Amino acid sequence: MTTSMAQLMREQARLIILKALLSQNDERLNSDLLVYELASFGISKDRAWVHGELDYLEDMGAIIVKSIGTVKVAELAQHGHRHLTRQIAIEGVQRPARPGA
């Protein structure tokens, strides 16, 4: 089965979001900041699109999301951390590269 470019972009964006959360001291970021983070990787999408990806990641147990006004704040959950360390694989999220690869 062939994966579409749109699906590949979503899977990569979800991994970028998880990595961005991990890079923060408190493992949290808001959706506005995630728009800029994704744009730095060539994924230029609006906040509504990012909210959809955050909803997906929350449904998969990878993050915890709190809505504050029109912004969503995402926090890395243990399940998402385990994906980043390659202990598990979350469907629909690109696998991180092996360390040193």
PDB file of N, CA and C in Angstrom:
ATOM      1  N   MET A   1       0.836  -1.172   0.000  1.00  0.00           N
ATOM      2  CA  MET A   1       0.000   0.000   0.000  1.00  0.00           C
ATOM      3  C   MET A   1       0.885   1.240   0.000  1.00  0.00           C
ATOM      4  N   THR A   2       0.557   2.203  -0.830  1.00  0.00           N
ATOM      5  CA  THR A   2       1.319   3.427  -0.955  1.00  0.00           C
ATOM      6  C   THR A   2       0.793   4.459   0.036  1.00  0.00           C
ATOM      7  N   THR A   3       1.724   5.104   0.732  1.00  0.00           N
ATOM      8  CA  THR A   3       1.358   6.157   1.661  1.00  0.00           C
ATOM      9  C   THR A   3       1.402   7.493   0.922  1.00  0.00           C
ATOM     10  N   SER A   4       0.388   8.307   1.114  1.00  0.00           N
ATOM     11  CA  SER A   4       0.332   9.594   0.434  1.00  0.00           C
ATOM     12  C   SER A   4       1.302  10.585   1.077  1.00  0.00           C
ATOM     13  N   MET A   5       1.648  11.624   0.321  1.00  0.00           N
ATOM     14  CA  MET A   5       2.516  12.668   0.835  1.00  0.00           C
ATOM     15  C   MET A   5       1.875  13.351   2.041  1.00  0.00           C
ATOM     16  N   ALA A   6       0.556  13.551   2.002  1.00  0.00           N
ATOM     17  CA  ALA A   6      -0.149  14.182   3.121  1.00  0.00           C
ATOM     18  C   ALA A   6      -0.029  13.339   4.391  1.00  0.00           C
ATOM     19  N   GLN A   7      -0.144  12.011   4.246  1.00  0.00           N
ATOM     20  CA  GLN A   7      -0.021  11.131   5.413  1.00  0.00           C
ATOM     21  C   GLN A   7       1.410  11.129   5.937  1.00  0.00           C
ATOM     22  N   LEU A   8       2.393  11.091   5.043  1.00  0.00           N
ATOM     23  CA  LEU A   8       3.790  11.156   5.480  1.00  0.00           C
ATOM     24  C   LEU A   8       4.074  12.452   6.246  1.00  0.00           C
ATOM     25  N   MET A   9       3.490  13.568   5.743  1.00  0.00           N
ATOM     26  CA  MET A   9       3.681  14.851   6.411  1.00  0.00           C
ATOM     27  C   MET A   9       3.073  14.829   7.810  1.00  0.00           C
ATOM     28  N   ARG A  10       1.892  14.258   7.941  1.00  0.00           N
ATOM     29  CA  ARG A  10       1.241  14.178   9.250  1.00  0.00           C
ATOM     30  C   ARG A  10       2.073  13.330  10.218  1.00  0.00           C
ATOM     31  N   GLU A  11       2.550  12.197   9.754  1.00  0.00           N
ATOM     32  CA  GLU A  11       3.339  11.315  10.619  1.00  0.00           C
ATOM     33  C   GLU A  11       4.632  11.992  11.052  1.00  0.00           C
ATOM     34  N   GLN A  12       5.262  12.716  10.138  1.00  0.00           N
ATOM     35  CA  GLN A  12       6.489  13.419  10.476  1.00  0.00           C
ATOM     36  C   GLN A  12       6.196  14.587  11.420  1.00  0.00           C
ATOM     37  N   ALA A  13       5.119  15.316  11.164  1.00  0.00           N
ATOM     38  CA  ALA A  13       4.745  16.442  12.031  1.00  0.00           C
ATOM     39  C   ALA A  13       4.484  15.964  13.451  1.00  0.00           C
ATOM     40  N   ARG A  14       3.844  14.829  13.601  1.00  0.00           N
ATOM     41  CA  ARG A  14       3.559  14.287  14.933  1.00  0.00           C
ATOM     42  C   ARG A  14       4.853  13.957  15.669  1.00  0.00           C
ATOM     43  N   LEU A  15       5.833  13.406  14.961  1.00  0.00           N
ATOM     44  CA  LEU A  15       7.124  13.125  15.585  1.00  0.00           C
ATOM     45  C   LEU A  15       7.827  14.431  15.971  1.00  0.00           C
ATOM     46  N   ILE A  16       7.795  15.419  15.104  1.00  0.00           N
ATOM     47  CA  ILE A  16       8.407  16.714  15.403  1.00  0.00           C
ATOM     48  C   ILE A  16       7.768  17.328  16.641  1.00  0.00           C
ATOM     49  N   ILE A  17       6.454  17.233  16.759  1.00  0.00           N
ATOM     50  CA  ILE A  17       5.761  17.754  17.936  1.00  0.00           C
ATOM     51  C   ILE A  17       6.245  17.053  19.196  1.00  0.00           C
ATOM     52  N   LEU A  18       6.318  15.728  19.169  1.00  0.00           N
ATOM     53  CA  LEU A  18       6.781  14.990  20.351  1.00  0.00           C
ATOM     54  C   LEU A  18       8.210  15.385  20.727  1.00  0.00           C
ATOM     55  N   LYS A  19       9.083  15.500  19.736  1.00  0.00           N
ATOM     56  CA  LYS A  19      10.468  15.889  20.008  1.00  0.00           C
ATOM     57  C   LYS A  19      10.549  17.307  20.565  1.00  0.00           C
ATOM     58  N   ALA A  20       9.706  18.212  20.040  1.00  0.00           N
ATOM     59  CA  ALA A  20       9.701  19.589  20.533  1.00  0.00           C
ATOM     60  C   ALA A  20       9.273  19.627  21.995  1.00  0.00           C
ATOM     61  N   LEU A  21       8.284  18.823  22.356  1.00  0.00           N
ATOM     62  CA  LEU A  21       7.850  18.769  23.754  1.00  0.00           C
ATOM     63  C   LEU A  21       8.957  18.234  24.642  1.00  0.00           C
ATOM     64  N   LEU A  22       9.625  17.190  24.189  1.00  0.00           N
ATOM     65  CA  LEU A  22      10.717  16.598  24.966  1.00  0.00           C
ATOM     66  C   LEU A  22      11.846  17.595  25.208  1.00  0.00           C
ATOM     67  N   SER A  23      12.057  18.509  24.271  1.00  0.00           N
ATOM     68  CA  SER A  23      13.168  19.458  24.383  1.00  0.00           C
ATOM     69  C   SER A  23      12.926  20.558  25.423  1.00  0.00           C
ATOM     70  N   GLN A  24      11.702  20.670  25.902  1.00  0.00           N
ATOM     71  CA  GLN A  24      11.379  21.698  26.893  1.00  0.00           C
ATOM     72  C   GLN A  24      11.588  21.170  28.309  1.00  0.00           C
ATOM     73  N   ASN A  25      12.018  22.031  29.212  1.00  0.00           N
ATOM     74  CA  ASN A  25      12.245  21.609  30.601  1.00  0.00           C
ATOM     75  C   ASN A  25      10.997  21.002  31.228  1.00  0.00           C
ATOM     76  N   ASP A  26       9.836  21.597  30.957  1.00  0.00           N
ATOM     77  CA  ASP A  26       8.587  21.081  31.520  1.00  0.00           C
ATOM     78  C   ASP A  26       7.806  20.208  30.536  1.00  0.00           C
ATOM     79  N   GLU A  27       8.418  19.928  29.377  1.00  0.00           N
ATOM     80  CA  GLU A  27       7.832  19.065  28.340  1.00  0.00           C
ATOM     81  C   GLU A  27       6.462  19.562  27.881  1.00  0.00           C
ATOM     82  N   ARG A  28       6.297  20.898  27.824  1.00  0.00           N
ATOM     83  CA  ARG A  28       5.038  21.503  27.382  1.00  0.00           C
ATOM     84  C   ARG A  28       5.308  22.620  26.382  1.00  0.00           C
ATOM     85  N   LEU A  29       4.383  22.788  25.426  1.00  0.00           N
ATOM     86  CA  LEU A  29       4.399  23.902  24.473  1.00  0.00           C
ATOM     87  C   LEU A  29       2.957  24.198  24.071  1.00  0.00           C
ATOM     88  N   ASN A  30       2.720  25.445  23.654  1.00  0.00           N
ATOM     89  CA  ASN A  30       1.380  25.759  23.160  1.00  0.00           C
ATOM     90  C   ASN A  30       1.336  25.625  21.640  1.00  0.00           C
ATOM     91  N   SER A  31       0.110  25.572  21.130  1.00  0.00           N
ATOM     92  CA  SER A  31      -0.079  25.309  19.702  1.00  0.00           C
ATOM     93  C   SER A  31       0.494  26.413  18.820  1.00  0.00           C
ATOM     94  N   ASP A  32       0.492  27.659  19.273  1.00  0.00           N
ATOM     95  CA  ASP A  32       1.099  28.732  18.474  1.00  0.00           C
ATOM     96  C   ASP A  32       2.591  28.495  18.289  1.00  0.00           C
ATOM     97  N   LEU A  33       3.282  28.107  19.359  1.00  0.00           N
ATOM     98  CA  LEU A  33       4.717  27.835  19.252  1.00  0.00           C
ATOM     99  C   LEU A  33       4.980  26.607  18.384  1.00  0.00           C
ATOM    100  N   LEU A  34       4.091  25.637  18.425  1.00  0.00           N
ATOM    101  CA  LEU A  34       4.270  24.443  17.599  1.00  0.00           C
ATOM    102  C   LEU A  34       4.085  24.753  16.115  1.00  0.00           C
ATOM    103  N   VAL A  35       3.256  25.738  15.782  1.00  0.00           N
ATOM    104  CA  VAL A  35       3.130  26.178  14.382  1.00  0.00           C
ATOM    105  C   VAL A  35       4.491  26.630  13.873  1.00  0.00           C
ATOM    106  N   TYR A  36       5.196  27.435  14.677  1.00  0.00           N
ATOM    107  CA  TYR A  36       6.524  27.927  14.278  1.00  0.00           C
ATOM    108  C   TYR A  36       7.556  26.801  14.236  1.00  0.00           C
ATOM    109  N   GLU A  37       7.473  25.880  15.174  1.00  0.00           N
ATOM    110  CA  GLU A  37       8.401  24.745  15.188  1.00  0.00           C
ATOM    111  C   GLU A  37       8.249  23.906  13.919  1.00  0.00           C
ATOM    112  N   LEU A  38       7.029  23.610  13.546  1.00  0.00           N
ATOM    113  CA  LEU A  38       6.793  22.823  12.339  1.00  0.00           C
ATOM    114  C   LEU A  38       7.242  23.579  11.092  1.00  0.00           C
ATOM    115  N   ALA A  39       7.010  24.880  11.052  1.00  0.00           N
ATOM    116  CA  ALA A  39       7.424  25.689   9.897  1.00  0.00           C
ATOM    117  C   ALA A  39       8.930  25.645   9.712  1.00  0.00           C
ATOM    118  N   SER A  40       9.673  25.556  10.811  1.00  0.00           N
ATOM    119  CA  SER A  40      11.136  25.488  10.691  1.00  0.00           C
ATOM    120  C   SER A  40      11.585  24.196  10.016  1.00  0.00           C
ATOM    121  N   PHE A  41      10.704  23.190   9.978  1.00  0.00           N
ATOM    122  CA  PHE A  41      10.988  21.926   9.293  1.00  0.00           C
ATOM    123  C   PHE A  41      10.306  21.858   7.931  1.00  0.00           C
ATOM    124  N   GLY A  42       9.783  22.992   7.458  1.00  0.00           N
ATOM    125  CA  GLY A  42       9.153  23.027   6.150  1.00  0.00           C
ATOM    126  C   GLY A  42       7.705  22.573   6.124  1.00  0.00           C
ATOM    127  N   ILE A  43       7.088  22.455   7.292  1.00  0.00           N
ATOM    128  CA  ILE A  43       5.680  22.074   7.363  1.00  0.00           C
ATOM    129  C   ILE A  43       4.905  23.318   7.786  1.00  0.00           C
ATOM    130  N   SER A  44       4.425  24.059   6.800  1.00  0.00           N
ATOM    131  CA  SER A  44       3.739  25.328   7.055  1.00  0.00           C
ATOM    132  C   SER A  44       2.231  25.099   7.095  1.00  0.00           C
ATOM    133  N   LYS A  45       1.717  24.975   8.286  1.00  0.00           N
ATOM    134  CA  LYS A  45       0.283  24.732   8.498  1.00  0.00           C
ATOM    135  C   LYS A  45      -0.233  25.719   9.535  1.00  0.00           C
ATOM    136  N   ASP A  46      -1.558  25.928   9.535  1.00  0.00           N
ATOM    137  CA  ASP A  46      -2.142  26.860  10.490  1.00  0.00           C
ATOM    138  C   ASP A  46      -2.428  26.177  11.830  1.00  0.00           C
ATOM    139  N   ARG A  47      -2.853  27.003  12.785  1.00  0.00           N
ATOM    140  CA  ARG A  47      -3.086  26.494  14.136  1.00  0.00           C
ATOM    141  C   ARG A  47      -4.178  25.434  14.161  1.00  0.00           C
ATOM    142  N   ALA A  48      -5.221  25.589  13.341  1.00  0.00           N
ATOM    143  CA  ALA A  48      -6.300  24.590  13.307  1.00  0.00           C
ATOM    144  C   ALA A  48      -5.760  23.222  12.901  1.00  0.00           C
ATOM    145  N   TRP A  49      -4.855  23.184  11.930  1.00  0.00           N
ATOM    146  CA  TRP A  49      -4.252  21.918  11.501  1.00  0.00           C
ATOM    147  C   TRP A  49      -3.439  21.308  12.652  1.00  0.00           C
ATOM    148  N   VAL A  50      -2.664  22.154  13.330  1.00  0.00           N
ATOM    149  CA  VAL A  50      -1.869  21.674  14.472  1.00  0.00           C
ATOM    150  C   VAL A  50      -2.793  21.143  15.563  1.00  0.00           C
ATOM    151  N   HIS A  51      -3.922  21.820  15.803  1.00  0.00           N
ATOM    152  CA  HIS A  51      -4.872  21.335  16.802  1.00  0.00           C
ATOM    153  C   HIS A  51      -5.360  19.937  16.454  1.00  0.00           C
ATOM    154  N   GLY A  52      -5.590  19.671  15.185  1.00  0.00           N
ATOM    155  CA  GLY A  52      -6.000  18.334  14.761  1.00  0.00           C
ATOM    156  C   GLY A  52      -4.942  17.293  15.057  1.00  0.00           C
ATOM    157  N   GLU A  53      -3.688  17.655  14.849  1.00  0.00           N
ATOM    158  CA  GLU A  53      -2.592  16.716  15.137  1.00  0.00           C
ATOM    159  C   GLU A  53      -2.440  16.508  16.645  1.00  0.00           C
ATOM    160  N   LEU A  54      -2.635  17.553  17.417  1.00  0.00           N
ATOM    161  CA  LEU A  54      -2.586  17.420  18.877  1.00  0.00           C
ATOM    162  C   LEU A  54      -3.720  16.520  19.357  1.00  0.00           C
ATOM    163  N   ASP A  55      -4.901  16.663  18.773  1.00  0.00           N
ATOM    164  CA  ASP A  55      -6.029  15.793  19.128  1.00  0.00           C
ATOM    165  C   ASP A  55      -5.696  14.331  18.829  1.00  0.00           C
ATOM    166  N   TYR A  56      -5.068  14.092  17.670  1.00  0.00           N
ATOM    167  CA  TYR A  56      -4.686  12.723  17.311  1.00  0.00           C
ATOM    168  C   TYR A  56      -3.699  12.163  18.337  1.00  0.00           C
ATOM    169  N   LEU A  57      -2.676  12.944  18.650  1.00  0.00           N
ATOM    170  CA  LEU A  57      -1.658  12.483  19.600  1.00  0.00           C
ATOM    171  C   LEU A  57      -2.256  12.241  20.986  1.00  0.00           C
ATOM    172  N   GLU A  58      -3.222  13.078  21.363  1.00  0.00           N
ATOM    173  CA  GLU A  58      -3.892  12.866  22.650  1.00  0.00           C
ATOM    174  C   GLU A  58      -4.716  11.582  22.610  1.00  0.00           C
ATOM    175  N   ASP A  59      -5.447  11.352  21.512  1.00  0.00           N
ATOM    176  CA  ASP A  59      -6.230  10.121  21.373  1.00  0.00           C
ATOM    177  C   ASP A  59      -5.349   8.879  21.452  1.00  0.00           C
ATOM    178  N   MET A  60      -4.110   8.986  20.983  1.00  0.00           N
ATOM    179  CA  MET A  60      -3.178   7.858  21.007  1.00  0.00           C
ATOM    180  C   MET A  60      -2.462   7.734  22.354  1.00  0.00           C
ATOM    181  N   GLY A  61      -2.701   8.671  23.269  1.00  0.00           N
ATOM    182  CA  GLY A  61      -2.085   8.617  24.594  1.00  0.00           C
ATOM    183  C   GLY A  61      -0.679   9.171  24.654  1.00  0.00           C
ATOM    184  N   ALA A  62      -0.234   9.835  23.580  1.00  0.00           N
ATOM    185  CA  ALA A  62       1.140  10.337  23.524  1.00  0.00           C
ATOM    186  C   ALA A  62       1.321  11.664  24.254  1.00  0.00           C
ATOM    187  N   ILE A  63       0.250  12.450  24.328  1.00  0.00           N
ATOM    188  CA  ILE A  63       0.324  13.755  24.978  1.00  0.00           C
ATOM    189  C   ILE A  63      -0.945  14.001  25.786  1.00  0.00           C
ATOM    190  N   ILE A  64      -0.880  15.015  26.640  1.00  0.00           N
ATOM    191  CA  ILE A  64      -2.026  15.517  27.392  1.00  0.00           C
ATOM    192  C   ILE A  64      -2.260  16.932  26.881  1.00  0.00           C
ATOM    193  N   VAL A  65      -3.508  17.261  26.556  1.00  0.00           N
ATOM    194  CA  VAL A  65      -3.823  18.575  25.987  1.00  0.00           C
ATOM    195  C   VAL A  65      -4.801  19.311  26.894  1.00  0.00           C
ATOM    196  N   LYS A  66      -4.495  20.587  27.115  1.00  0.00           N
ATOM    197  CA  LYS A  66      -5.410  21.481  27.829  1.00  0.00           C
ATOM    198  C   LYS A  66      -5.708  22.656  26.921  1.00  0.00           C
ATOM    199  N   SER A  67      -6.994  22.990  26.800  1.00  0.00           N
ATOM    200  CA  SER A  67      -7.396  24.147  26.005  1.00  0.00           C
ATOM    201  C   SER A  67      -7.462  25.359  26.921  1.00  0.00           C
ATOM    202  N   ILE A  68      -6.805  26.433  26.483  1.00  0.00           N
ATOM    203  CA  ILE A  68      -6.822  27.694  27.216  1.00  0.00           C
ATOM    204  C   ILE A  68      -7.229  28.764  26.210  1.00  0.00           C
ATOM    205  N   GLY A  69      -8.480  29.145  26.249  1.00  0.00           N
ATOM    206  CA  GLY A  69      -8.992  30.062  25.234  1.00  0.00           C
ATOM    207  C   GLY A  69      -8.949  29.380  23.880  1.00  0.00           C
ATOM    208  N   THR A  70      -8.327  30.045  22.914  1.00  0.00           N
ATOM    209  CA  THR A  70      -8.239  29.485  21.557  1.00  0.00           C
ATOM    210  C   THR A  70      -6.939  28.715  21.322  1.00  0.00           C
ATOM    211  N   VAL A  71      -6.134  28.593  22.358  1.00  0.00           N
ATOM    212  CA  VAL A  71      -4.837  27.919  22.249  1.00  0.00           C
ATOM    213  C   VAL A  71      -4.901  26.585  22.988  1.00  0.00           C
ATOM    214  N   LYS A  72      -4.169  25.614  22.485  1.00  0.00           N
ATOM    215  CA  LYS A  72      -4.039  24.333  23.178  1.00  0.00           C
ATOM    216  C   LYS A  72      -2.612  24.216  23.700  1.00  0.00           C
ATOM    217  N   VAL A  73      -2.487  23.718  24.919  1.00  0.00           N
ATOM    218  CA  VAL A  73      -1.178  23.470  25.514  1.00  0.00           C
ATOM    219  C   VAL A  73      -0.998  21.959  25.576  1.00  0.00           C
ATOM    220  N   ALA A  74       0.091  21.492  24.972  1.00  0.00           N
ATOM    221  CA  ALA A  74       0.372  20.055  24.923  1.00  0.00           C
ATOM    222  C   ALA A  74       1.496  19.721  25.884  1.00  0.00           C
ATOM    223  N   GLU A  75       1.362  18.596  26.555  1.00  0.00           N
ATOM    224  CA  GLU A  75       2.390  18.089  27.468  1.00  0.00           C
ATOM    225  C   GLU A  75       2.694  16.645  27.097  1.00  0.00           C
ATOM    226  N   LEU A  76       3.955  16.313  27.047  1.00  0.00           N
ATOM    227  CA  LEU A  76       4.365  14.956  26.690  1.00  0.00           C
ATOM    228  C   LEU A  76       3.927  13.976  27.774  1.00  0.00           C
ATOM    229  N   ALA A  77       3.270  12.906  27.370  1.00  0.00           N
ATOM    230  CA  ALA A  77       2.857  11.842  28.286  1.00  0.00           C
ATOM    231  C   ALA A  77       3.896  10.716  28.244  1.00  0.00           C
ATOM    232  N   GLN A  78       3.829   9.829  29.212  1.00  0.00           N
ATOM    233  CA  GLN A  78       4.776   8.715  29.275  1.00  0.00           C
ATOM    234  C   GLN A  78       4.732   7.871  28.000  1.00  0.00           C
ATOM    235  N   HIS A  79       3.552   7.672  27.455  1.00  0.00           N
ATOM    236  CA  HIS A  79       3.400   6.872  26.229  1.00  0.00           C
ATOM    237  C   HIS A  79       4.170   7.520  25.073  1.00  0.00           C
ATOM    238  N   GLY A  80       4.081   8.849  24.952  1.00  0.00           N
ATOM    239  CA  GLY A  80       4.826   9.567  23.924  1.00  0.00           C
ATOM    240  C   GLY A  80       6.321   9.489  24.141  1.00  0.00           C
ATOM    241  N   HIS A  81       6.738   9.566  25.397  1.00  0.00           N
ATOM    242  CA  HIS A  81       8.169   9.450  25.717  1.00  0.00           C
ATOM    243  C   HIS A  81       8.692   8.067  25.331  1.00  0.00           C
ATOM    244  N   ARG A  82       7.894   7.057  25.575  1.00  0.00           N
ATOM    245  CA  ARG A  82       8.304   5.700  25.219  1.00  0.00           C
ATOM    246  C   ARG A  82       8.442   5.535  23.707  1.00  0.00           C
ATOM    247  N   HIS A  83       7.615   6.246  22.930  1.00  0.00           N
ATOM    248  CA  HIS A  83       7.752   6.220  21.474  1.00  0.00           C
ATOM    249  C   HIS A  83       9.087   6.856  21.075  1.00  0.00           C
ATOM    250  N   LEU A  84       9.418   7.983  21.688  1.00  0.00           N
ATOM    251  CA  LEU A  84      10.656   8.683  21.352  1.00  0.00           C
ATOM    252  C   LEU A  84      11.901   7.866  21.692  1.00  0.00           C
ATOM    253  N   THR A  85      11.810   7.012  22.711  1.00  0.00           N
ATOM    254  CA  THR A  85      12.951   6.169  23.081  1.00  0.00           C
ATOM    255  C   THR A  85      12.897   4.803  22.396  1.00  0.00           C
ATOM    256  N   ARG A  86      11.953   4.654  21.448  1.00  0.00           N
ATOM    257  CA  ARG A  86      11.802   3.457  20.627  1.00  0.00           C
ATOM    258  C   ARG A  86      11.421   2.209  21.428  1.00  0.00           C
ATOM    259  N   GLN A  87      10.825   2.409  22.597  1.00  0.00           N
ATOM    260  CA  GLN A  87      10.343   1.273  23.382  1.00  0.00           C
ATOM    261  C   GLN A  87       9.032   0.740  22.828  1.00  0.00           C
ATOM    262  N   ILE A  88       8.257   1.636  22.212  1.00  0.00           N
ATOM    263  CA  ILE A  88       6.989   1.270  21.586  1.00  0.00           C
ATOM    264  C   ILE A  88       6.880   2.025  20.266  1.00  0.00           C
ATOM    265  N   ALA A  89       5.897   1.668  19.469  1.00  0.00           N
ATOM    266  CA  ALA A  89       5.606   2.403  18.234  1.00  0.00           C
ATOM    267  C   ALA A  89       4.148   2.828  18.277  1.00  0.00           C
ATOM    268  N   ILE A  90       3.908   4.131  18.110  1.00  0.00           N
ATOM    269  CA  ILE A  90       2.554   4.655  18.071  1.00  0.00           C
ATOM    270  C   ILE A  90       2.132   4.757  16.614  1.00  0.00           C
ATOM    271  N   GLU A  91       1.018   4.127  16.294  1.00  0.00           N
ATOM    272  CA  GLU A  91       0.498   4.152  14.928  1.00  0.00           C
ATOM    273  C   GLU A  91       0.252   5.593  14.481  1.00  0.00           C
ATOM    274  N   GLY A  92       0.690   5.908  13.263  1.00  0.00           N
ATOM    275  CA  GLY A  92       0.461   7.229  12.704  1.00  0.00           C
ATOM    276  C   GLY A  92       1.504   8.263  13.095  1.00  0.00           C
ATOM    277  N   VAL A  93       2.542   7.824  13.806  1.00  0.00           N
ATOM    278  CA  VAL A  93       3.637   8.715  14.195  1.00  0.00           C
ATOM    279  C   VAL A  93       4.933   8.121  13.652  1.00  0.00           C
ATOM    280  N   GLN A  94       5.675   8.933  12.905  1.00  0.00           N
ATOM    281  CA  GLN A  94       6.942   8.446  12.349  1.00  0.00           C
ATOM    282  C   GLN A  94       7.841   7.936  13.474  1.00  0.00           C
ATOM    283  N   ARG A  95       8.537   6.849  13.197  1.00  0.00           N
ATOM    284  CA  ARG A  95       9.481   6.299  14.188  1.00  0.00           C
ATOM    285  C   ARG A  95      10.715   7.189  14.239  1.00  0.00           C
ATOM    286  N   PRO A  96      11.217   7.462  15.432  1.00  0.00           N
ATOM    287  CA  PRO A  96      12.461   8.223  15.507  1.00  0.00           C
ATOM    288  C   PRO A  96      13.631   7.359  15.026  1.00  0.00           C
ATOM    289  N   ALA A  97      14.661   8.030  14.538  1.00  0.00           N
ATOM    290  CA  ALA A  97      15.852   7.306  14.095  1.00  0.00           C
ATOM    291  C   ALA A  97      16.535   6.677  15.299  1.00  0.00           C
ATOM    292  N   ARG A  98      17.238   5.606  15.039  1.00  0.00           N
ATOM    293  CA  ARG A  98      18.028   4.990  16.102  1.00  0.00           C
ATOM    294  C   ARG A  98      19.124   5.948  16.538  1.00  0.00           C
ATOM    295  N   PRO A  99      19.466   5.963  17.818  1.00  0.00           N
ATOM    296  CA  PRO A  99      20.567   6.825  18.256  1.00  0.00           C
ATOM    297  C   PRO A  99      21.826   6.539  17.466  1.00  0.00           C
ATOM    298  N   GLY A 100      22.471   7.580  16.987  1.00  0.00           N
ATOM    299  CA  GLY A 100      23.707   7.428  16.227  1.00  0.00           C
ATOM    300  C   GLY A 100      23.501   7.104  14.761  1.00  0.00           C
ATOM    301  N   ALA A 101      22.246   6.982  14.329  1.00  0.00           N
ATOM    302  CA  ALA A 101      21.990   6.639  12.907  1.00  0.00           C
ATOM    303  C   ALA A 101      22.060   7.862  12.030  1.00  0.00           C
TER     304      ALA A 101
END
